[in-house]
Amino acid sequence: MPNKIKEAIADSLQDIVNAGIKTTFTQKRLNELGVKIPKTKMNLIKIKKVRKNLNLSQSVFAQVLNVSIASVRHWEQGLREPTGSTKVLLELLLREPHILDYRITKSKKIVV
């Protein structure tokens, strides 16, 4: 299949995915069509940037992500890397910092 056709198909498939249209493709078929799903890379610098952009302490950041504070500390110290969907969520937070704002609600108590 000529490269221009593959590129057009890949663009169309990306548009379908972006539009939220349900599709079923195998990895083999996506590869044949030239569609790539990039690996998510999240290092300690990016993780710190995400947390600082949100103006959250490590403790609150851990609560928002529903992970342990030890996990956040280890990520930021470069001792461990987030895995799976946590990596994708951190990548989303880097792009869209306010997607988890709903997780932080105001208390009805006002302390003076």
N, C-alpha and C. Protein backbone atom coordinates (compact mmCIF):
# COMPACT_ATOMS: atom_id res chain seq x y z
N MET A 1 0.85 -1.17 0.00
CA MET A 1 0.00 0.00 0.00
C MET A 1 0.90 1.23 0.00
N PRO A 2 0.70 2.15 -0.92
CA PRO A 2 1.53 3.36 -0.96
C PRO A 2 1.44 4.15 0.35
N ASN A 3 2.54 4.83 0.67
CA ASN A 3 2.62 5.57 1.93
C ASN A 3 1.54 6.63 2.08
N LYS A 4 1.20 7.34 1.01
CA LYS A 4 0.18 8.40 1.11
C LYS A 4 -1.18 7.81 1.49
N ILE A 5 -1.50 6.66 0.96
CA ILE A 5 -2.77 6.01 1.29
C ILE A 5 -2.76 5.58 2.75
N LYS A 6 -1.65 4.97 3.19
CA LYS A 6 -1.52 4.55 4.59
C LYS A 6 -1.66 5.75 5.52
N GLU A 7 -1.03 6.85 5.14
CA GLU A 7 -1.08 8.06 5.96
C GLU A 7 -2.51 8.60 6.05
N ALA A 8 -3.23 8.59 4.93
CA ALA A 8 -4.61 9.06 4.91
C ALA A 8 -5.50 8.17 5.77
N ILE A 9 -5.28 6.85 5.70
CA ILE A 9 -6.05 5.91 6.51
C ILE A 9 -5.75 6.13 7.99
N ALA A 10 -4.47 6.29 8.31
CA ALA A 10 -4.07 6.52 9.70
C ALA A 10 -4.72 7.80 10.24
N ASP A 11 -4.72 8.87 9.44
CA ASP A 11 -5.35 10.13 9.85
C ASP A 11 -6.85 9.94 10.08
N SER A 12 -7.49 9.21 9.18
CA SER A 12 -8.92 8.96 9.31
C SER A 12 -9.23 8.16 10.56
N LEU A 13 -8.43 7.14 10.81
CA LEU A 13 -8.62 6.33 12.02
C LEU A 13 -8.43 7.17 13.28
N GLN A 14 -7.43 8.05 13.26
CA GLN A 14 -7.21 8.92 14.41
C GLN A 14 -8.41 9.83 14.61
N ASP A 15 -8.98 10.34 13.53
CA ASP A 15 -10.18 11.18 13.63
C ASP A 15 -11.35 10.39 14.22
N ILE A 16 -11.48 9.14 13.83
CA ILE A 16 -12.54 8.28 14.36
C ILE A 16 -12.37 8.10 15.87
N VAL A 17 -11.14 7.81 16.28
CA VAL A 17 -10.85 7.64 17.71
C VAL A 17 -11.12 8.94 18.46
N ASN A 18 -10.65 10.06 17.92
CA ASN A 18 -10.84 11.36 18.57
C ASN A 18 -12.32 11.73 18.68
N ALA A 19 -13.12 11.28 17.75
CA ALA A 19 -14.55 11.58 17.75
C ALA A 19 -15.32 10.67 18.72
N GLY A 20 -14.64 9.69 19.29
CA GLY A 20 -15.28 8.80 20.25
C GLY A 20 -16.12 7.71 19.61
N ILE A 21 -15.92 7.48 18.33
CA ILE A 21 -16.67 6.42 17.64
C ILE A 21 -16.07 5.08 18.02
N LYS A 22 -16.92 4.16 18.42
CA LYS A 22 -16.43 2.85 18.85
C LYS A 22 -15.94 2.05 17.64
N THR A 23 -14.75 1.50 17.80
CA THR A 23 -14.16 0.69 16.75
C THR A 23 -13.48 -0.51 17.39
N THR A 24 -13.25 -1.52 16.60
CA THR A 24 -12.52 -2.69 17.08
C THR A 24 -11.43 -3.00 16.07
N PHE A 25 -10.20 -2.75 16.48
CA PHE A 25 -9.05 -3.04 15.64
C PHE A 25 -8.05 -3.85 16.46
N THR A 26 -7.39 -4.76 15.80
CA THR A 26 -6.31 -5.48 16.47
C THR A 26 -5.03 -4.67 16.31
N GLN A 27 -4.06 -4.95 17.17
CA GLN A 27 -2.78 -4.26 17.07
C GLN A 27 -2.14 -4.53 15.71
N LYS A 28 -2.27 -5.76 15.23
CA LYS A 28 -1.70 -6.12 13.92
C LYS A 28 -2.32 -5.26 12.82
N ARG A 29 -3.65 -5.11 12.86
CA ARG A 29 -4.33 -4.33 11.82
C ARG A 29 -3.94 -2.85 11.91
N LEU A 30 -3.85 -2.32 13.13
CA LEU A 30 -3.43 -0.92 13.28
C LEU A 30 -2.02 -0.72 12.73
N ASN A 31 -1.14 -1.67 13.00
CA ASN A 31 0.23 -1.59 12.48
C ASN A 31 0.23 -1.60 10.95
N GLU A 32 -0.60 -2.47 10.36
CA GLU A 32 -0.69 -2.53 8.90
C GLU A 32 -1.16 -1.20 8.32
N LEU A 33 -2.05 -0.52 9.05
CA LEU A 33 -2.60 0.75 8.59
C LEU A 33 -1.72 1.94 8.94
N GLY A 34 -0.65 1.69 9.66
CA GLY A 34 0.28 2.76 10.01
C GLY A 34 -0.11 3.57 11.23
N VAL A 35 -1.00 3.03 12.06
CA VAL A 35 -1.43 3.72 13.26
C VAL A 35 -0.56 3.28 14.42
N LYS A 36 0.00 4.24 15.13
CA LYS A 36 0.89 3.94 16.26
C LYS A 36 0.28 4.45 17.55
N ILE A 37 0.40 3.69 18.61
CA ILE A 37 0.02 4.12 19.95
C ILE A 37 1.33 4.27 20.71
N PRO A 38 1.75 5.52 20.92
CA PRO A 38 3.07 5.72 21.54
C PRO A 38 3.09 5.28 22.99
N LYS A 39 4.26 4.85 23.42
CA LYS A 39 4.45 4.49 24.82
C LYS A 39 4.45 5.78 25.63
N THR A 40 3.91 5.70 26.82
CA THR A 40 3.87 6.85 27.71
C THR A 40 5.15 6.91 28.50
N LYS A 41 5.80 8.05 28.47
CA LYS A 41 7.03 8.24 29.23
C LYS A 41 6.79 9.30 30.29
N MET A 42 7.04 8.93 31.53
CA MET A 42 6.82 9.85 32.63
C MET A 42 8.02 9.74 33.57
N ASN A 43 8.82 10.80 33.64
CA ASN A 43 9.97 10.77 34.52
C ASN A 43 9.74 11.68 35.73
N LEU A 44 10.70 11.69 36.65
CA LEU A 44 10.53 12.45 37.89
C LEU A 44 10.36 13.94 37.65
N ILE A 45 10.98 14.48 36.63
CA ILE A 45 10.84 15.91 36.34
C ILE A 45 9.41 16.22 35.90
N LYS A 46 8.85 15.38 35.04
CA LYS A 46 7.47 15.59 34.58
C LYS A 46 6.48 15.42 35.72
N ILE A 47 6.73 14.45 36.60
CA ILE A 47 5.82 14.20 37.72
C ILE A 47 5.82 15.40 38.67
N LYS A 48 7.01 15.91 38.97
CA LYS A 48 7.10 17.09 39.83
C LYS A 48 6.40 18.27 39.18
N LYS A 49 6.56 18.41 37.86
CA LYS A 49 5.93 19.51 37.14
C LYS A 49 4.41 19.42 37.25
N VAL A 50 3.88 18.21 37.09
CA VAL A 50 2.43 18.01 37.20
C VAL A 50 1.95 18.46 38.58
N ARG A 51 2.61 17.98 39.62
CA ARG A 51 2.19 18.31 40.98
C ARG A 51 2.32 19.80 41.26
N LYS A 52 3.41 20.40 40.83
CA LYS A 52 3.63 21.84 41.07
C LYS A 52 2.61 22.67 40.29
N ASN A 53 2.27 22.25 39.06
CA ASN A 53 1.24 22.96 38.27
C ASN A 53 -0.10 22.96 38.99
N LEU A 54 -0.35 21.89 39.75
CA LEU A 54 -1.62 21.77 40.48
C LEU A 54 -1.55 22.46 41.84
N ASN A 55 -0.35 22.91 42.24
CA ASN A 55 -0.15 23.54 43.54
C ASN A 55 -0.59 22.64 44.70
N LEU A 56 -0.19 21.37 44.63
CA LEU A 56 -0.57 20.42 45.66
C LEU A 56 0.66 19.87 46.37
N SER A 57 0.50 19.60 47.64
CA SER A 57 1.55 18.91 48.39
C SER A 57 1.59 17.46 47.92
N GLN A 58 2.66 16.76 48.28
CA GLN A 58 2.75 15.35 47.91
C GLN A 58 1.59 14.56 48.51
N SER A 59 1.23 14.90 49.73
CA SER A 59 0.15 14.20 50.42
C SER A 59 -1.19 14.35 49.71
N VAL A 60 -1.53 15.59 49.37
CA VAL A 60 -2.81 15.85 48.69
C VAL A 60 -2.78 15.27 47.27
N PHE A 61 -1.66 15.41 46.59
CA PHE A 61 -1.50 14.84 45.25
C PHE A 61 -1.75 13.33 45.28
N ALA A 62 -1.19 12.66 46.29
CA ALA A 62 -1.39 11.22 46.44
C ALA A 62 -2.87 10.89 46.64
N GLN A 63 -3.56 11.69 47.45
CA GLN A 63 -4.99 11.46 47.68
C GLN A 63 -5.79 11.65 46.40
N VAL A 64 -5.47 12.69 45.65
CA VAL A 64 -6.19 12.96 44.40
C VAL A 64 -6.01 11.81 43.41
N LEU A 65 -4.78 11.27 43.35
CA LEU A 65 -4.49 10.16 42.44
C LEU A 65 -4.90 8.80 43.00
N ASN A 66 -5.26 8.78 44.28
CA ASN A 66 -5.61 7.53 44.96
C ASN A 66 -4.44 6.55 45.00
N VAL A 67 -3.27 7.10 45.34
CA VAL A 67 -2.06 6.30 45.52
C VAL A 67 -1.45 6.66 46.87
N SER A 68 -0.48 5.90 47.31
CA SER A 68 0.15 6.20 48.59
C SER A 68 1.11 7.38 48.44
N ILE A 69 1.33 8.07 49.53
CA ILE A 69 2.28 9.18 49.53
C ILE A 69 3.68 8.64 49.25
N ALA A 70 3.96 7.42 49.69
CA ALA A 70 5.26 6.80 49.42
C ALA A 70 5.48 6.65 47.92
N SER A 71 4.42 6.32 47.19
CA SER A 71 4.53 6.20 45.73
C SER A 71 4.94 7.52 45.12
N VAL A 72 4.26 8.60 45.52
CA VAL A 72 4.58 9.93 44.99
C VAL A 72 6.02 10.29 45.32
N ARG A 73 6.43 10.06 46.56
CA ARG A 73 7.81 10.37 46.95
C ARG A 73 8.82 9.59 46.10
N HIS A 74 8.55 8.30 45.95
CA HIS A 74 9.47 7.46 45.16
C HIS A 74 9.53 7.90 43.71
N TRP A 75 8.39 8.29 43.14
CA TRP A 75 8.38 8.78 41.75
C TRP A 75 9.23 10.03 41.63
N GLU A 76 9.02 10.96 42.57
CA GLU A 76 9.71 12.25 42.50
C GLU A 76 11.20 12.14 42.83
N GLN A 77 11.58 11.08 43.52
CA GLN A 77 13.00 10.86 43.81
C GLN A 77 13.66 10.00 42.74
N GLY A 78 12.89 9.53 41.80
CA GLY A 78 13.43 8.69 40.73
C GLY A 78 13.71 7.26 41.16
N LEU A 79 13.18 6.85 42.32
CA LEU A 79 13.39 5.49 42.82
C LEU A 79 12.48 4.48 42.13
N ARG A 80 11.30 4.95 41.73
CA ARG A 80 10.34 4.09 41.04
C ARG A 80 9.65 4.92 39.97
N GLU A 81 9.00 4.22 39.06
CA GLU A 81 8.21 4.88 38.03
C GLU A 81 6.77 4.47 38.17
N PRO A 82 5.85 5.39 37.90
CA PRO A 82 4.45 4.98 37.89
C PRO A 82 4.23 3.96 36.77
N THR A 83 3.21 3.15 36.94
CA THR A 83 2.94 2.11 35.94
C THR A 83 1.53 2.25 35.39
N GLY A 84 1.30 1.56 34.31
CA GLY A 84 -0.03 1.41 33.73
C GLY A 84 -0.82 2.69 33.57
N SER A 85 -2.05 2.62 34.06
CA SER A 85 -2.97 3.73 33.86
C SER A 85 -2.56 4.97 34.65
N THR A 86 -1.79 4.80 35.73
CA THR A 86 -1.31 5.96 36.48
C THR A 86 -0.41 6.82 35.60
N LYS A 87 0.42 6.17 34.80
CA LYS A 87 1.30 6.90 33.88
C LYS A 87 0.48 7.71 32.87
N VAL A 88 -0.56 7.10 32.35
CA VAL A 88 -1.42 7.78 31.39
C VAL A 88 -2.15 8.94 32.06
N LEU A 89 -2.62 8.73 33.29
CA LEU A 89 -3.30 9.79 34.02
C LEU A 89 -2.36 10.97 34.27
N LEU A 90 -1.12 10.69 34.64
CA LEU A 90 -0.14 11.77 34.86
C LEU A 90 0.13 12.51 33.55
N GLU A 91 0.19 11.78 32.46
CA GLU A 91 0.38 12.42 31.15
C GLU A 91 -0.80 13.35 30.82
N LEU A 92 -2.01 12.89 31.11
CA LEU A 92 -3.19 13.72 30.89
C LEU A 92 -3.15 14.97 31.77
N LEU A 93 -2.72 14.81 33.02
CA LEU A 93 -2.63 15.95 33.93
C LEU A 93 -1.60 16.96 33.46
N LEU A 94 -0.57 16.48 32.81
CA LEU A 94 0.43 17.38 32.26
C LEU A 94 -0.17 18.24 31.14
N ARG A 95 -1.06 17.64 30.36
CA ARG A 95 -1.72 18.35 29.26
C ARG A 95 -2.93 19.16 29.72
N GLU A 96 -3.69 18.59 30.63
CA GLU A 96 -4.94 19.21 31.10
C GLU A 96 -4.94 19.20 32.63
N PRO A 97 -4.30 20.18 33.26
CA PRO A 97 -4.12 20.17 34.71
C PRO A 97 -5.40 20.12 35.54
N HIS A 98 -6.52 20.52 34.97
CA HIS A 98 -7.74 20.62 35.78
C HIS A 98 -8.69 19.44 35.63
N ILE A 99 -8.27 18.36 34.99
CA ILE A 99 -9.20 17.25 34.76
C ILE A 99 -9.62 16.55 36.05
N LEU A 100 -8.83 16.68 37.10
CA LEU A 100 -9.20 16.04 38.36
C LEU A 100 -9.68 17.02 39.42
N ASP A 101 -10.02 18.23 39.01
CA ASP A 101 -10.52 19.22 39.97
C ASP A 101 -11.75 18.71 40.71
N TYR A 102 -12.56 17.90 40.06
CA TYR A 102 -13.77 17.37 40.69
C TYR A 102 -13.45 16.52 41.92
N ARG A 103 -12.21 16.01 42.01
CA ARG A 103 -11.82 15.16 43.15
C ARG A 103 -11.60 15.98 44.42
N ILE A 104 -11.48 17.29 44.28
CA ILE A 104 -11.26 18.16 45.44
C ILE A 104 -12.52 18.99 45.63
N THR A 105 -13.23 18.75 46.72
CA THR A 105 -14.47 19.48 46.97
C THR A 105 -14.29 20.40 48.17
N LYS A 106 -15.04 21.46 48.15
CA LYS A 106 -14.99 22.43 49.26
C LYS A 106 -15.75 21.87 50.45
N SER A 107 -15.19 22.15 51.61
CA SER A 107 -15.85 21.80 52.86
C SER A 107 -16.92 22.85 53.14
N LYS A 108 -18.01 22.44 53.74
CA LYS A 108 -19.06 23.40 54.07
C LYS A 108 -18.69 24.20 55.32
N LYS A 109 -17.73 23.71 56.10
CA LYS A 109 -17.27 24.42 57.29
C LYS A 109 -16.35 25.56 56.90
N ILE A 110 -16.54 26.69 57.53
CA ILE A 110 -15.63 27.81 57.32
C ILE A 110 -14.97 28.09 58.67
N VAL A 111 -13.66 27.94 58.69
CA VAL A 111 -12.90 28.16 59.90
C VAL A 111 -12.24 29.52 59.82
N VAL A 112 -12.45 30.33 60.85
CA VAL A 112 -11.89 31.68 60.85
C VAL A 112 -10.77 31.77 61.86
